[in-house]
Amino acid sequence: MGDATARSTQREKLKQADLLCGVGALVLGIGIGAIAAPALGWVAVPLFLIGCLSHGWGRIQKHRIEQLDASGSAAWQTALYWGCWAAIAIVLAIASWKALIHA
């Protein structure tokens, strides 16, 4: 039982580190985007769409793999997974609305 608990704790720490890494990449990307906005404004929409697609595909694949694990996922992981999809949907809706207004 001790080994199983240690593996579970290690897996949780790994997932938390993975989350921190992803959040760090997000903040880094936002910072780079803010700095380079004047020069890269013309590629903002394609980069946004590519980022959404690649992030979404990666999250779907990771979620599928985690579902195969008999231990399942923690409640905070499931909430974060669906919260991320909700945030992407909100950002896409706002961006689409703004694009329609300025068109």
C-alpha atoms as a PDB file:
ATOM      1  CA  MET A   1       0.000   0.000   0.000  1.00  0.00           C
ATOM      2  CA  GLY A   2       2.893   2.362   0.719  1.00  0.00           C
ATOM      3  CA  ASP A   3       4.259   2.089  -2.821  1.00  0.00           C
ATOM      4  CA  ALA A   4       0.851   2.809  -4.321  1.00  0.00           C
ATOM      5  CA  THR A   5       0.431   5.883  -2.127  1.00  0.00           C
ATOM      6  CA  ALA A   6       3.922   7.120  -3.007  1.00  0.00           C
ATOM      7  CA  ARG A   7       3.227   6.635  -6.738  1.00  0.00           C
ATOM      8  CA  SER A   8      -0.083   8.455  -6.413  1.00  0.00           C
ATOM      9  CA  THR A   9       1.568  11.355  -4.581  1.00  0.00           C
ATOM     10  CA  GLN A  10       4.343  11.476  -7.163  1.00  0.00           C
ATOM     11  CA  ARG A  11       1.783  11.444 -10.007  1.00  0.00           C
ATOM     12  CA  GLU A  12      -0.109  14.326  -8.369  1.00  0.00           C
ATOM     13  CA  LYS A  13       3.110  16.331  -7.972  1.00  0.00           C
ATOM     14  CA  LEU A  14       3.977  15.624 -11.612  1.00  0.00           C
ATOM     15  CA  LYS A  15       0.566  16.842 -12.746  1.00  0.00           C
ATOM     16  CA  GLN A  16       0.866  19.976 -10.620  1.00  0.00           C
ATOM     17  CA  ALA A  17       4.301  20.652 -12.124  1.00  0.00           C
ATOM     18  CA  ASP A  18       2.822  20.079 -15.599  1.00  0.00           C
ATOM     19  CA  LEU A  19       0.082  22.601 -14.810  1.00  0.00           C
ATOM     20  CA  LEU A  20       2.593  25.166 -13.549  1.00  0.00           C
ATOM     21  CA  CYS A  21       4.690  24.653 -16.672  1.00  0.00           C
ATOM     22  CA  GLY A  22       1.651  25.213 -18.893  1.00  0.00           C
ATOM     23  CA  VAL A  23       0.598  28.336 -17.018  1.00  0.00           C
ATOM     24  CA  GLY A  24       4.160  29.635 -17.240  1.00  0.00           C
ATOM     25  CA  ALA A  25       4.166  29.055 -21.007  1.00  0.00           C
ATOM     26  CA  LEU A  26       0.855  30.899 -21.259  1.00  0.00           C
ATOM     27  CA  VAL A  27       2.118  33.902 -19.319  1.00  0.00           C
ATOM     28  CA  LEU A  28       5.362  33.897 -21.314  1.00  0.00           C
ATOM     29  CA  GLY A  29       3.388  33.819 -24.559  1.00  0.00           C
ATOM     30  CA  ILE A  30       1.188  36.687 -23.444  1.00  0.00           C
ATOM     31  CA  GLY A  31       4.262  38.707 -22.488  1.00  0.00           C
ATOM     32  CA  ILE A  32       5.957  38.053 -25.818  1.00  0.00           C
ATOM     33  CA  GLY A  33       2.719  38.916 -27.613  1.00  0.00           C
ATOM     34  CA  ALA A  34       2.408  42.182 -25.719  1.00  0.00           C
ATOM     35  CA  ILE A  35       5.996  43.132 -26.519  1.00  0.00           C
ATOM     36  CA  ALA A  36       5.769  42.150 -30.192  1.00  0.00           C
ATOM     37  CA  ALA A  37       2.162  43.291 -30.804  1.00  0.00           C
ATOM     38  CA  PRO A  38       2.987  46.207 -33.110  1.00  0.00           C
ATOM     39  CA  ALA A  39       5.184  44.080 -35.361  1.00  0.00           C
ATOM     40  CA  LEU A  40       3.102  40.895 -35.304  1.00  0.00           C
ATOM     41  CA  GLY A  41      -0.441  42.251 -35.326  1.00  0.00           C
ATOM     42  CA  TRP A  42      -1.108  40.891 -38.798  1.00  0.00           C
ATOM     43  CA  VAL A  43      -0.521  37.270 -37.659  1.00  0.00           C
ATOM     44  CA  ALA A  44      -2.466  37.523 -34.394  1.00  0.00           C
ATOM     45  CA  VAL A  45      -5.572  35.663 -35.585  1.00  0.00           C
ATOM     46  CA  PRO A  46      -3.717  32.801 -37.327  1.00  0.00           C
ATOM     47  CA  LEU A  47      -1.422  32.355 -34.313  1.00  0.00           C
ATOM     48  CA  PHE A  48      -4.417  32.397 -31.990  1.00  0.00           C
ATOM     49  CA  LEU A  49      -6.223  29.756 -34.044  1.00  0.00           C
ATOM     50  CA  ILE A  50      -3.135  27.551 -34.363  1.00  0.00           C
ATOM     51  CA  GLY A  51      -2.546  27.864 -30.623  1.00  0.00           C
ATOM     52  CA  CYS A  52      -6.157  26.950 -29.810  1.00  0.00           C
ATOM     53  CA  LEU A  53      -6.111  23.958 -32.139  1.00  0.00           C
ATOM     54  CA  SER A  54      -2.779  22.591 -30.969  1.00  0.00           C
ATOM     55  CA  HIS A  55      -3.568  23.176 -27.285  1.00  0.00           C
ATOM     56  CA  GLY A  56      -7.013  21.662 -27.658  1.00  0.00           C
ATOM     57  CA  TRP A  57      -5.746  18.607 -29.509  1.00  0.00           C
ATOM     58  CA  GLY A  58      -3.030  18.052 -26.906  1.00  0.00           C
ATOM     59  CA  ARG A  59      -5.508  18.386 -24.035  1.00  0.00           C
ATOM     60  CA  ILE A  60      -7.919  15.945 -25.693  1.00  0.00           C
ATOM     61  CA  GLN A  61      -5.140  13.400 -26.187  1.00  0.00           C
ATOM     62  CA  LYS A  62      -3.908  13.804 -22.619  1.00  0.00           C
ATOM     63  CA  HIS A  63      -7.446  13.515 -21.246  1.00  0.00           C
ATOM     64  CA  ARG A  64      -8.020  10.299 -23.238  1.00  0.00           C
ATOM     65  CA  ILE A  65      -4.777   8.791 -21.965  1.00  0.00           C
ATOM     66  CA  GLU A  66      -5.610   9.745 -18.389  1.00  0.00           C
ATOM     67  CA  GLN A  67      -9.047   8.139 -18.723  1.00  0.00           C
ATOM     68  CA  LEU A  68      -7.306   4.832 -19.475  1.00  0.00           C
ATOM     69  CA  ASP A  69      -5.539   5.049 -16.117  1.00  0.00           C
ATOM     70  CA  ALA A  70      -7.519   3.070 -13.567  1.00  0.00           C
ATOM     71  CA  SER A  71      -6.926   5.648 -10.838  1.00  0.00           C
ATOM     72  CA  GLY A  72      -8.887   8.335 -12.702  1.00  0.00           C
ATOM     73  CA  SER A  73      -8.267  12.035 -12.266  1.00  0.00           C
ATOM     74  CA  ALA A  74      -8.638  14.363  -9.317  1.00  0.00           C
ATOM     75  CA  ALA A  75     -11.644  16.683  -9.158  1.00  0.00           C
ATOM     76  CA  TRP A  76      -9.445  19.756  -9.665  1.00  0.00           C
ATOM     77  CA  GLN A  77      -8.057  18.233 -12.875  1.00  0.00           C
ATOM     78  CA  THR A  78     -11.515  17.607 -14.292  1.00  0.00           C
ATOM     79  CA  ALA A  79     -12.626  21.121 -13.316  1.00  0.00           C
ATOM     80  CA  LEU A  80      -9.517  22.610 -14.898  1.00  0.00           C
ATOM     81  CA  TYR A  81     -10.019  20.575 -18.082  1.00  0.00           C
ATOM     82  CA  TRP A  82     -13.594  21.791 -18.576  1.00  0.00           C
ATOM     83  CA  GLY A  83     -12.767  25.281 -17.331  1.00  0.00           C
ATOM     84  CA  CYS A  84     -10.092  25.544 -20.006  1.00  0.00           C
ATOM     85  CA  TRP A  85     -12.604  24.607 -22.715  1.00  0.00           C
ATOM     86  CA  ALA A  86     -15.044  27.164 -21.337  1.00  0.00           C
ATOM     87  CA  ALA A  87     -12.350  29.870 -21.360  1.00  0.00           C
ATOM     88  CA  ILE A  88     -11.411  29.056 -24.961  1.00  0.00           C
ATOM     89  CA  ALA A  89     -15.079  29.229 -25.986  1.00  0.00           C
ATOM     90  CA  ILE A  90     -15.485  32.608 -24.269  1.00  0.00           C
ATOM     91  CA  VAL A  91     -12.340  34.028 -25.891  1.00  0.00           C
ATOM     92  CA  LEU A  92     -13.434  32.764 -29.317  1.00  0.00           C
ATOM     93  CA  ALA A  93     -16.899  34.275 -28.838  1.00  0.00           C
ATOM     94  CA  ILE A  94     -15.473  37.658 -27.805  1.00  0.00           C
ATOM     95  CA  ALA A  95     -12.946  37.654 -30.657  1.00  0.00           C
ATOM     96  CA  SER A  96     -15.651  36.728 -33.176  1.00  0.00           C
ATOM     97  CA  TRP A  97     -17.987  39.410 -31.839  1.00  0.00           C
ATOM     98  CA  LYS A  98     -15.262  42.066 -32.036  1.00  0.00           C
ATOM     99  CA  ALA A  99     -14.307  40.944 -35.556  1.00  0.00           C
ATOM    100  CA  LEU A 100     -17.927  41.263 -36.706  1.00  0.00           C
ATOM    101  CA  ILE A 101     -18.268  44.732 -35.181  1.00  0.00           C
ATOM    102  CA  HIS A 102     -15.080  46.002 -36.842  1.00  0.00           C
ATOM    103  CA  ALA A 103     -15.763  44.360 -40.202  1.00  0.00           C
END
